[in-house]
Structure formats: C-alpha cells, structure tokens
Amino acid sequence: MTDERMTDTTATPMTSAATAPAASPNPRTMVLELEDVHTFYGNIEAIKGISLEVAAGEIVTLIGSNGAGKTTTLRTISGTHRPRTGVVRLNGQEIQSLPAHELVSHGLAHAPEGRRVFSRMTVFENLQMGAFSRPKEPMDADVTRVFDLFPRLRERRSQKAGTLSGGEQQMLAIGRALMARPTVLLLDEPSMGLSPILTEQIFTIITDINAQGTTVLLVEQNALMALNVAHRGYVLQTGKILLADTAANLAANEQVRQAYLGEI
C-alpha cells in the first residue's frame, strides 16, 4: 500500500492526531501518556514525535503497516528501548528514564511480540517469573485467575513451555504478564501465527481482562479484530500518528478500510 493512499485525511470526517481523542470510559484519568516522543535505532528515527493518551479502563489499539513504529512504541513505553527525546508518563509519573524492570512494580506489564516464554521452564514456573516484582506476596489467586482465563494452561501446568503450541505459548505470555497485576497491559501482536479460531479466543480473553479492570494498549496486525475490541485507536505511518479516533469511526473510515481492512 502506498503512502499516498493515506495522505488525504479530509476524505471523511476524522479526528486528526493533533486533536483531542474521542471520549473514553474514564476520560479524566489518563494512566498512560506520550508527549512528542522520538525514538532512534542508531541514526534511524523510528518514532517521530508521537503523542498519545490512554485512559483508565480503555482498550486502545495502534494499527499500521509493518515498519510503521508500533512495536517500537511499545518498547519505548516499557523501557526496553529508550526515547532520545520526549516524555512518557504512567499514572502521572515520568518513566522514560526508569529501567524496564522497575516499571513492572509501577503497574506496567508487556507481553512482547513473539511470546518469548522461558522454553525450558514449566508453565507454572513461567507464571512465577511474571510475579518476580512481588516475591513475598502470595500469588495463588493470581495463578487461579490466569488458569480461569486460560484453562489450557491449567491442563499443562507442569509442561515445558517450549513444547506448547503457538497459541498456548501466547496464552502463557499474556498470563505471565498478568501475574504482575498490571494496571496497564501492553500487548504486541497477540494473534501472530494463530488460527482464526484461536485468534477469536485470544481477543475474547483480552476483552475479559479489560472488563476485570486492566487498561490495554494493543498492537495488532489484524486491524479488524483490534478495532472490534478497542475503544479508540491510532493509525501509525512511518513513525508518525496519521489518524486518531474512536475505534468505530476508524473502522468505518474509507481510507482505513482500504489500507488496513483488506477492502478495495
């Protein structure tokens, strides 16, 4: 898809990236904010002045083509890649200079692209690793919550993570992140490599996690599924936010439908 296809943002009514985003479930309580964030890989600028907001109780999705900067945005938030300039706030506190492991205790968890489970550890041991930031607290209730969300993991509690199917590893990656009791959960490509049936199951679980009180920032190549579960969305293109609106409006926008929803 060429860039020209997405440049005319006046074709249909649309909130520009510079305009305040649409109303959210709790618009006055912003739990995550990025202001003019620039992130580089060496001399290559991957994120070019992104500003976005995520309110408490929302599912917000980032959509865009490969190389648009979606994964880099999540890595910048979670501290695995430092921004060169700009501000990242979590619950009002600037976090862009904090090490990644400290952010977990501040209420941020990241289920990265590619799952990255500990393949030689069991399912249960992987879940224990997710609770490393609170080693002295009991975690029975958290394990039960994960097993209730993902019954397959309960069945495979003692199985090595590396022997799980791709879908089961994705469930484990999300479950491990939930063990940290995050207020904000970053999900990067949760449906990657999964069958349509498993993809539907994963997205149903994402809505359940959100309904239980966890705010979600979602990166997903399956833009249609992402917009179906999200409250709001941002469209990224070559490291910049091109569009921002409610998920329903983005799904109905002709440009978005042609570029990302597979419509001609």
C-alpha atoms as a PDB file:
ATOM      1  CA  MET A   1       0.000   0.000   0.000  1.00  0.00           C
ATOM      2  CA  THR A   2       1.429   3.348  -0.969  1.00  0.00           C
ATOM      3  CA  ASP A   3       1.714   6.273   1.414  1.00  0.00           C
ATOM      4  CA  GLU A   4      -0.349   8.436  -0.960  1.00  0.00           C
ATOM      5  CA  ARG A   5      -3.388   6.343  -0.251  1.00  0.00           C
ATOM      6  CA  MET A   6      -3.499   7.522   3.326  1.00  0.00           C
ATOM      7  CA  THR A   7      -2.452  11.155   2.987  1.00  0.00           C
ATOM      8  CA  ASP A   8      -5.821  12.814   2.316  1.00  0.00           C
ATOM      9  CA  THR A   9      -7.349  12.876   5.779  1.00  0.00           C
ATOM     10  CA  THR A  10     -10.241  15.125   4.664  1.00  0.00           C
ATOM     11  CA  ALA A  11     -11.980  12.420   2.660  1.00  0.00           C
ATOM     12  CA  THR A  12     -14.206  11.538   5.618  1.00  0.00           C
ATOM     13  CA  PRO A  13     -14.769  13.217   8.997  1.00  0.00           C
ATOM     14  CA  MET A  14     -11.823  12.215  11.165  1.00  0.00           C
ATOM     15  CA  THR A  15     -10.063  13.382  14.294  1.00  0.00           C
ATOM     16  CA  SER A  16      -6.541  14.417  13.399  1.00  0.00           C
ATOM     17  CA  ALA A  17      -3.599  13.328  15.502  1.00  0.00           C
ATOM     18  CA  ALA A  18      -3.303  16.879  16.840  1.00  0.00           C
ATOM     19  CA  THR A  19      -6.893  16.920  18.095  1.00  0.00           C
ATOM     20  CA  ALA A  20      -8.031  15.565  21.453  1.00  0.00           C
ATOM     21  CA  PRO A  21      -9.058  11.906  21.163  1.00  0.00           C
ATOM     22  CA  ALA A  22     -12.654  10.793  21.375  1.00  0.00           C
ATOM     23  CA  ALA A  23     -14.351  10.217  24.697  1.00  0.00           C
ATOM     24  CA  SER A  24     -13.221   7.152  26.635  1.00  0.00           C
ATOM     25  CA  PRO A  25     -14.754   5.197  29.532  1.00  0.00           C
ATOM     26  CA  ASN A  26     -12.853   7.394  32.006  1.00  0.00           C
ATOM     27  CA  PRO A  27     -11.515  10.356  30.016  1.00  0.00           C
ATOM     28  CA  ARG A  28     -10.300  12.362  33.004  1.00  0.00           C
ATOM     29  CA  THR A  29      -7.943   9.704  34.329  1.00  0.00           C
ATOM     30  CA  MET A  30      -5.078   9.242  31.909  1.00  0.00           C
ATOM     31  CA  VAL A  31      -2.938   6.316  33.006  1.00  0.00           C
ATOM     32  CA  LEU A  32      -0.520   6.445  30.072  1.00  0.00           C
ATOM     33  CA  GLU A  33       0.680   9.492  28.108  1.00  0.00           C
ATOM     34  CA  LEU A  34       3.321  10.051  25.463  1.00  0.00           C
ATOM     35  CA  GLU A  35       4.344  13.588  24.555  1.00  0.00           C
ATOM     36  CA  ASP A  36       6.442  14.304  21.455  1.00  0.00           C
ATOM     37  CA  VAL A  37       8.408  11.066  21.749  1.00  0.00           C
ATOM     38  CA  HIS A  38      11.295  10.465  19.351  1.00  0.00           C
ATOM     39  CA  THR A  39      12.996   7.058  19.335  1.00  0.00           C
ATOM     40  CA  PHE A  40      16.008   6.062  17.248  1.00  0.00           C
ATOM     41  CA  TYR A  41      17.837   2.917  16.229  1.00  0.00           C
ATOM     42  CA  GLY A  42      21.303   4.325  15.730  1.00  0.00           C
ATOM     43  CA  ASN A  43      20.824   7.189  13.284  1.00  0.00           C
ATOM     44  CA  ILE A  44      17.460   5.927  12.046  1.00  0.00           C
ATOM     45  CA  GLU A  45      14.479   7.696  13.578  1.00  0.00           C
ATOM     46  CA  ALA A  46      11.773   5.082  14.112  1.00  0.00           C
ATOM     47  CA  ILE A  47       9.332   7.177  16.183  1.00  0.00           C
ATOM     48  CA  LYS A  48       8.931  10.765  15.021  1.00  0.00           C
ATOM     49  CA  GLY A  49       7.235  12.862  17.653  1.00  0.00           C
ATOM     50  CA  ILE A  50       4.402  10.592  18.781  1.00  0.00           C
ATOM     51  CA  SER A  51       1.893  11.922  21.299  1.00  0.00           C
ATOM     52  CA  LEU A  52      -0.928   9.718  22.554  1.00  0.00           C
ATOM     53  CA  GLU A  53      -3.098   9.070  25.590  1.00  0.00           C
ATOM     54  CA  VAL A  54      -4.672   6.005  27.166  1.00  0.00           C
ATOM     55  CA  ALA A  55      -7.381   6.485  29.777  1.00  0.00           C
ATOM     56  CA  ALA A  56      -8.130   4.163  32.675  1.00  0.00           C
ATOM     57  CA  GLY A  57     -10.390   1.319  31.593  1.00  0.00           C
ATOM     58  CA  GLU A  58      -9.741   1.649  27.874  1.00  0.00           C
ATOM     59  CA  ILE A  59      -8.532  -0.686  25.202  1.00  0.00           C
ATOM     60  CA  VAL A  60      -6.572   1.474  22.783  1.00  0.00           C
ATOM     61  CA  THR A  61      -5.090  -0.021  19.631  1.00  0.00           C
ATOM     62  CA  LEU A  62      -2.220   1.028  17.403  1.00  0.00           C
ATOM     63  CA  ILE A  63      -2.637  -0.061  13.795  1.00  0.00           C
ATOM     64  CA  GLY A  64      -0.418   0.415  10.780  1.00  0.00           C
ATOM     65  CA  SER A  65       1.688  -1.434   8.255  1.00  0.00           C
ATOM     66  CA  ASN A  66       4.915  -3.279   9.054  1.00  0.00           C
ATOM     67  CA  GLY A  67       7.617  -0.778   9.925  1.00  0.00           C
ATOM     68  CA  ALA A  68       5.170   1.922  10.998  1.00  0.00           C
ATOM     69  CA  GLY A  69       6.638   2.034  14.513  1.00  0.00           C
ATOM     70  CA  LYS A  70       4.023   0.152  16.522  1.00  0.00           C
ATOM     71  CA  THR A  71       6.341  -2.301  18.254  1.00  0.00           C
ATOM     72  CA  THR A  72       8.949   0.419  18.841  1.00  0.00           C
ATOM     73  CA  THR A  73       6.266   2.491  20.552  1.00  0.00           C
ATOM     74  CA  LEU A  74       5.524  -0.330  22.997  1.00  0.00           C
ATOM     75  CA  ARG A  75       9.232  -0.930  23.600  1.00  0.00           C
ATOM     76  CA  THR A  76       9.707   2.767  24.287  1.00  0.00           C
ATOM     77  CA  ILE A  77       6.894   2.711  26.832  1.00  0.00           C
ATOM     78  CA  SER A  78       8.102  -0.441  28.590  1.00  0.00           C
ATOM     79  CA  GLY A  79      11.688   0.778  28.858  1.00  0.00           C
ATOM     80  CA  THR A  80      13.290  -1.858  26.645  1.00  0.00           C
ATOM     81  CA  HIS A  81      14.247   0.930  24.225  1.00  0.00           C
ATOM     82  CA  ARG A  82      14.950   4.473  25.363  1.00  0.00           C
ATOM     83  CA  PRO A  83      13.452   7.508  23.646  1.00  0.00           C
ATOM     84  CA  ARG A  84      16.001  10.107  22.639  1.00  0.00           C
ATOM     85  CA  THR A  85      13.595  12.944  23.470  1.00  0.00           C
ATOM     86  CA  GLY A  86      10.047  13.276  24.733  1.00  0.00           C
ATOM     87  CA  VAL A  87       8.096  12.279  27.816  1.00  0.00           C
ATOM     88  CA  VAL A  88       6.371   9.033  28.800  1.00  0.00           C
ATOM     89  CA  ARG A  89       4.056   9.179  31.826  1.00  0.00           C
ATOM     90  CA  LEU A  90       2.486   6.320  33.742  1.00  0.00           C
ATOM     91  CA  ASN A  91      -0.164   7.398  36.244  1.00  0.00           C
ATOM     92  CA  GLY A  92       1.199  10.928  36.028  1.00  0.00           C
ATOM     93  CA  GLN A  93       4.829   9.980  36.721  1.00  0.00           C
ATOM     94  CA  GLU A  94       7.559  10.375  34.121  1.00  0.00           C
ATOM     95  CA  ILE A  95       9.030   6.951  33.430  1.00  0.00           C
ATOM     96  CA  GLN A  96      11.156   7.366  30.298  1.00  0.00           C
ATOM     97  CA  SER A  97      14.375   7.201  32.334  1.00  0.00           C
ATOM     98  CA  LEU A  98      13.415   4.285  34.574  1.00  0.00           C
ATOM     99  CA  PRO A  99      14.840   0.804  33.908  1.00  0.00           C
ATOM    100  CA  ALA A 100      12.390  -1.695  32.458  1.00  0.00           C
ATOM    101  CA  HIS A 101      12.327  -3.995  35.498  1.00  0.00           C
ATOM    102  CA  GLU A 102      11.281  -1.126  37.768  1.00  0.00           C
ATOM    103  CA  LEU A 103       8.298  -0.281  35.587  1.00  0.00           C
ATOM    104  CA  VAL A 104       6.691  -3.597  36.466  1.00  0.00           C
ATOM    105  CA  SER A 105       6.343  -2.516  40.095  1.00  0.00           C
ATOM    106  CA  HIS A 106       4.787   0.731  38.853  1.00  0.00           C
ATOM    107  CA  GLY A 107       1.938  -1.195  37.232  1.00  0.00           C
ATOM    108  CA  LEU A 108       3.157  -1.751  33.662  1.00  0.00           C
ATOM    109  CA  ALA A 109       3.472  -5.164  32.010  1.00  0.00           C
ATOM    110  CA  HIS A 110       4.465  -6.026  28.450  1.00  0.00           C
ATOM    111  CA  ALA A 111       3.613  -9.219  26.549  1.00  0.00           C
ATOM    112  CA  PRO A 112       6.079  -8.835  23.680  1.00  0.00           C
ATOM    113  CA  GLU A 113       5.881  -9.818  20.049  1.00  0.00           C
ATOM    114  CA  GLY A 114       6.959 -13.416  19.536  1.00  0.00           C
ATOM    115  CA  ARG A 115       5.799 -14.563  23.012  1.00  0.00           C
ATOM    116  CA  ARG A 116       9.336 -15.092  24.388  1.00  0.00           C
ATOM    117  CA  VAL A 117       8.360 -17.586  27.043  1.00  0.00           C
ATOM    118  CA  PHE A 118      11.064 -19.398  29.015  1.00  0.00           C
ATOM    119  CA  SER A 119      11.055 -22.568  26.961  1.00  0.00           C
ATOM    120  CA  ARG A 120      12.897 -24.799  29.452  1.00  0.00           C
ATOM    121  CA  MET A 121      10.676 -23.797  32.347  1.00  0.00           C
ATOM    122  CA  THR A 122       7.247 -25.229  33.028  1.00  0.00           C
ATOM    123  CA  VAL A 123       4.053 -23.274  32.571  1.00  0.00           C
ATOM    124  CA  PHE A 124       3.820 -22.737  36.318  1.00  0.00           C
ATOM    125  CA  GLU A 125       7.453 -21.603  36.561  1.00  0.00           C
ATOM    126  CA  ASN A 126       6.864 -19.086  33.763  1.00  0.00           C
ATOM    127  CA  LEU A 127       3.932 -17.690  35.718  1.00  0.00           C
ATOM    128  CA  GLN A 128       6.091 -17.447  38.814  1.00  0.00           C
ATOM    129  CA  MET A 129       8.593 -15.395  36.821  1.00  0.00           C
ATOM    130  CA  GLY A 130       5.801 -12.950  35.994  1.00  0.00           C
ATOM    131  CA  ALA A 131       5.416 -12.221  39.701  1.00  0.00           C
ATOM    132  CA  PHE A 132       9.126 -11.539  40.324  1.00  0.00           C
ATOM    133  CA  SER A 133       8.459  -7.943  41.392  1.00  0.00           C
ATOM    134  CA  ARG A 134       6.474  -9.099  44.435  1.00  0.00           C
ATOM    135  CA  PRO A 135       8.233 -12.277  45.628  1.00  0.00           C
ATOM    136  CA  LYS A 136       6.937 -12.101  49.189  1.00  0.00           C
ATOM    137  CA  GLU A 137       3.270 -11.786  48.258  1.00  0.00           C
ATOM    138  CA  PRO A 138       1.054 -14.845  47.872  1.00  0.00           C
ATOM    139  CA  MET A 139       0.186 -15.492  44.243  1.00  0.00           C
ATOM    140  CA  ASP A 140      -2.337 -18.323  44.457  1.00  0.00           C
ATOM    141  CA  ALA A 141      -5.200 -16.004  43.498  1.00  0.00           C
ATOM    142  CA  ASP A 142      -3.238 -14.672  40.513  1.00  0.00           C
ATOM    143  CA  VAL A 143      -2.433 -18.179  39.272  1.00  0.00           C
ATOM    144  CA  THR A 144      -6.087 -19.137  39.647  1.00  0.00           C
ATOM    145  CA  ARG A 145      -7.115 -16.061  37.663  1.00  0.00           C
ATOM    146  CA  VAL A 146      -4.729 -16.962  34.836  1.00  0.00           C
ATOM    147  CA  PHE A 147      -5.912 -20.572  34.791  1.00  0.00           C
ATOM    148  CA  ASP A 148      -9.540 -19.419  34.752  1.00  0.00           C
ATOM    149  CA  LEU A 149      -8.814 -17.185  31.760  1.00  0.00           C
ATOM    150  CA  PHE A 150      -6.734 -19.879  30.046  1.00  0.00           C
ATOM    151  CA  PRO A 151      -7.976 -23.367  31.036  1.00  0.00           C
ATOM    152  CA  ARG A 152      -5.450 -24.971  28.684  1.00  0.00           C
ATOM    153  CA  LEU A 153      -2.642 -23.647  30.843  1.00  0.00           C
ATOM    154  CA  ARG A 154      -4.142 -25.336  33.894  1.00  0.00           C
ATOM    155  CA  GLU A 155      -4.087 -28.637  31.991  1.00  0.00           C
ATOM    156  CA  ARG A 156      -0.446 -28.041  31.060  1.00  0.00           C
ATOM    157  CA  ARG A 157       0.717 -26.609  34.368  1.00  0.00           C
ATOM    158  CA  SER A 158       3.755 -28.914  34.599  1.00  0.00           C
ATOM    159  CA  GLN A 159       4.585 -28.989  30.874  1.00  0.00           C
ATOM    160  CA  LYS A 160       7.705 -27.307  29.492  1.00  0.00           C
ATOM    161  CA  ALA A 161       6.747 -24.038  27.811  1.00  0.00           C
ATOM    162  CA  GLY A 162       8.833 -24.850  24.749  1.00  0.00           C
ATOM    163  CA  THR A 163       6.631 -27.853  23.987  1.00  0.00           C
ATOM    164  CA  LEU A 164       3.404 -25.829  23.906  1.00  0.00           C
ATOM    165  CA  SER A 165       1.653 -24.894  20.679  1.00  0.00           C
ATOM    166  CA  GLY A 166       1.930 -21.336  19.397  1.00  0.00           C
ATOM    167  CA  GLY A 167      -1.498 -20.468  20.736  1.00  0.00           C
ATOM    168  CA  GLU A 168      -0.718 -21.927  24.143  1.00  0.00           C
ATOM    169  CA  GLN A 169       2.554 -20.005  24.284  1.00  0.00           C
ATOM    170  CA  GLN A 170       0.646 -16.807  23.510  1.00  0.00           C
ATOM    171  CA  MET A 171      -1.757 -17.579  26.348  1.00  0.00           C
ATOM    172  CA  LEU A 172       1.222 -18.146  28.628  1.00  0.00           C
ATOM    173  CA  ALA A 173       2.878 -14.872  27.591  1.00  0.00           C
ATOM    174  CA  ILE A 174      -0.282 -12.932  28.423  1.00  0.00           C
ATOM    175  CA  GLY A 175      -0.819 -14.891  31.623  1.00  0.00           C
ATOM    176  CA  ARG A 176       2.762 -14.265  32.731  1.00  0.00           C
ATOM    177  CA  ALA A 177       2.258 -10.513  32.196  1.00  0.00           C
ATOM    178  CA  LEU A 178      -0.948 -10.603  34.252  1.00  0.00           C
ATOM    179  CA  MET A 179       0.940 -12.142  37.179  1.00  0.00           C
ATOM    180  CA  ALA A 180       2.479  -8.710  37.771  1.00  0.00           C
ATOM    181  CA  ARG A 181      -1.015  -7.325  38.478  1.00  0.00           C
ATOM    182  CA  PRO A 182      -0.589  -4.520  35.932  1.00  0.00           C
ATOM    183  CA  THR A 183      -2.831  -1.501  35.705  1.00  0.00           C
ATOM    184  CA  VAL A 184      -1.643  -1.109  32.088  1.00  0.00           C
ATOM    185  CA  LEU A 185      -1.002  -4.132  29.873  1.00  0.00           C
ATOM    186  CA  LEU A 186       0.930  -3.762  26.622  1.00  0.00           C
ATOM    187  CA  LEU A 187       0.105  -6.470  24.068  1.00  0.00           C
ATOM    188  CA  ASP A 188       2.200  -6.813  20.917  1.00  0.00           C
ATOM    189  CA  GLU A 189       0.713  -8.917  18.095  1.00  0.00           C
ATOM    190  CA  PRO A 190      -1.210 -11.404  20.283  1.00  0.00           C
ATOM    191  CA  SER A 191      -2.733 -13.142  17.243  1.00  0.00           C
ATOM    192  CA  MET A 192       0.519 -13.615  15.306  1.00  0.00           C
ATOM    193  CA  GLY A 193       0.661 -17.103  13.800  1.00  0.00           C
ATOM    194  CA  LEU A 194      -2.620 -18.233  15.305  1.00  0.00           C
ATOM    195  CA  SER A 195      -5.568 -19.875  13.598  1.00  0.00           C
ATOM    196  CA  PRO A 196      -8.785 -17.845  13.194  1.00  0.00           C
ATOM    197  CA  ILE A 197     -10.450 -19.809  15.995  1.00  0.00           C
ATOM    198  CA  LEU A 198      -7.601 -19.214  18.426  1.00  0.00           C
ATOM    199  CA  THR A 199      -7.444 -15.565  17.382  1.00  0.00           C
ATOM    200  CA  GLU A 200     -11.098 -15.129  18.327  1.00  0.00           C
ATOM    201  CA  GLN A 201     -10.445 -16.808  21.666  1.00  0.00           C
ATOM    202  CA  ILE A 202      -7.477 -14.553  22.411  1.00  0.00           C
ATOM    203  CA  PHE A 203      -9.464 -11.411  21.620  1.00  0.00           C
ATOM    204  CA  THR A 204     -12.373 -12.571  23.755  1.00  0.00           C
ATOM    205  CA  ILE A 205      -9.935 -13.020  26.621  1.00  0.00           C
ATOM    206  CA  ILE A 206      -8.478  -9.562  26.017  1.00  0.00           C
ATOM    207  CA  THR A 207     -11.949  -8.051  26.457  1.00  0.00           C
ATOM    208  CA  ASP A 208     -12.412 -10.138  29.629  1.00  0.00           C
ATOM    209  CA  ILE A 209      -9.094  -8.860  31.017  1.00  0.00           C
ATOM    210  CA  ASN A 210     -10.181  -5.301  30.275  1.00  0.00           C
ATOM    211  CA  ALA A 211     -13.590  -5.880  31.876  1.00  0.00           C
ATOM    212  CA  GLN A 212     -11.776  -7.004  35.029  1.00  0.00           C
ATOM    213  CA  GLY A 213     -10.159  -3.566  35.268  1.00  0.00           C
ATOM    214  CA  THR A 214      -6.913  -3.741  33.295  1.00  0.00           C
ATOM    215  CA  THR A 215      -6.202  -0.982  30.786  1.00  0.00           C
ATOM    216  CA  VAL A 216      -4.827  -2.338  27.495  1.00  0.00           C
ATOM    217  CA  LEU A 217      -2.651  -0.823  24.775  1.00  0.00           C
ATOM    218  CA  LEU A 218      -2.811  -3.234  21.851  1.00  0.00           C
ATOM    219  CA  VAL A 219      -0.620  -3.570  18.761  1.00  0.00           C
ATOM    220  CA  GLU A 220      -2.150  -5.906  16.223  1.00  0.00           C
ATOM    221  CA  GLN A 221      -1.752  -6.620  12.505  1.00  0.00           C
ATOM    222  CA  ASN A 222      -5.329  -7.916  12.393  1.00  0.00           C
ATOM    223  CA  ALA A 223      -6.737  -4.391  12.342  1.00  0.00           C
ATOM    224  CA  LEU A 224     -10.349  -5.522  12.036  1.00  0.00           C
ATOM    225  CA  MET A 225     -10.190  -7.636  15.192  1.00  0.00           C
ATOM    226  CA  ALA A 226      -8.303  -4.893  17.038  1.00  0.00           C
ATOM    227  CA  LEU A 227     -10.865  -2.236  16.150  1.00  0.00           C
ATOM    228  CA  ASN A 228     -13.697  -4.579  17.095  1.00  0.00           C
ATOM    229  CA  VAL A 229     -12.481  -4.801  20.710  1.00  0.00           C
ATOM    230  CA  ALA A 230     -10.907  -1.350  21.172  1.00  0.00           C
ATOM    231  CA  HIS A 231     -12.493   1.858  22.408  1.00  0.00           C
ATOM    232  CA  ARG A 232     -10.117   4.100  20.466  1.00  0.00           C
ATOM    233  CA  GLY A 233      -7.302   3.749  18.007  1.00  0.00           C
ATOM    234  CA  TYR A 234      -4.319   5.464  16.449  1.00  0.00           C
ATOM    235  CA  VAL A 235      -3.104   4.869  12.902  1.00  0.00           C
ATOM    236  CA  LEU A 236       0.695   4.964  12.609  1.00  0.00           C
ATOM    237  CA  GLN A 237       2.558   5.533   9.381  1.00  0.00           C
ATOM    238  CA  THR A 238       6.353   5.770   9.068  1.00  0.00           C
ATOM    239  CA  GLY A 239       6.785   6.650  12.727  1.00  0.00           C
ATOM    240  CA  LYS A 240       4.053   9.270  12.948  1.00  0.00           C
ATOM    241  CA  ILE A 241       0.429   9.257  14.067  1.00  0.00           C
ATOM    242  CA  LEU A 242      -1.659   9.825  10.985  1.00  0.00           C
ATOM    243  CA  LEU A 243      -5.155   9.455  12.431  1.00  0.00           C
ATOM    244  CA  ALA A 244      -6.762   9.189  15.870  1.00  0.00           C
ATOM    245  CA  ASP A 245     -10.412   8.484  16.582  1.00  0.00           C
ATOM    246  CA  THR A 246     -12.845   6.097  18.175  1.00  0.00           C
ATOM    247  CA  ALA A 247     -12.396   2.525  17.031  1.00  0.00           C
ATOM    248  CA  ALA A 248     -15.849   2.572  15.440  1.00  0.00           C
ATOM    249  CA  ASN A 249     -15.043   5.666  13.394  1.00  0.00           C
ATOM    250  CA  LEU A 250     -11.713   4.271  12.269  1.00  0.00           C
ATOM    251  CA  ALA A 251     -13.360   1.014  11.218  1.00  0.00           C
ATOM    252  CA  ALA A 252     -15.887   2.985   9.162  1.00  0.00           C
ATOM    253  CA  ASN A 253     -13.314   5.308   7.570  1.00  0.00           C
ATOM    254  CA  GLU A 254     -12.874   4.557   3.885  1.00  0.00           C
ATOM    255  CA  GLN A 255      -9.141   5.184   3.878  1.00  0.00           C
ATOM    256  CA  VAL A 256      -8.577   2.877   6.849  1.00  0.00           C
ATOM    257  CA  ARG A 257     -10.803   0.207   5.343  1.00  0.00           C
ATOM    258  CA  GLN A 258      -8.890   0.259   2.066  1.00  0.00           C
ATOM    259  CA  ALA A 259      -5.430   0.384   3.610  1.00  0.00           C
ATOM    260  CA  TYR A 260      -5.759  -1.925   6.631  1.00  0.00           C
ATOM    261  CA  LEU A 261      -9.023  -3.870   6.486  1.00  0.00           C
ATOM    262  CA  GLY A 262      -8.433  -5.523   3.137  1.00  0.00           C
ATOM    263  CA  GLU A 263     -11.131  -3.691   1.186  1.00  0.00           C
ATOM    264  CA  ILE A 264     -10.649  -2.463  -2.378  1.00  0.00           C
END
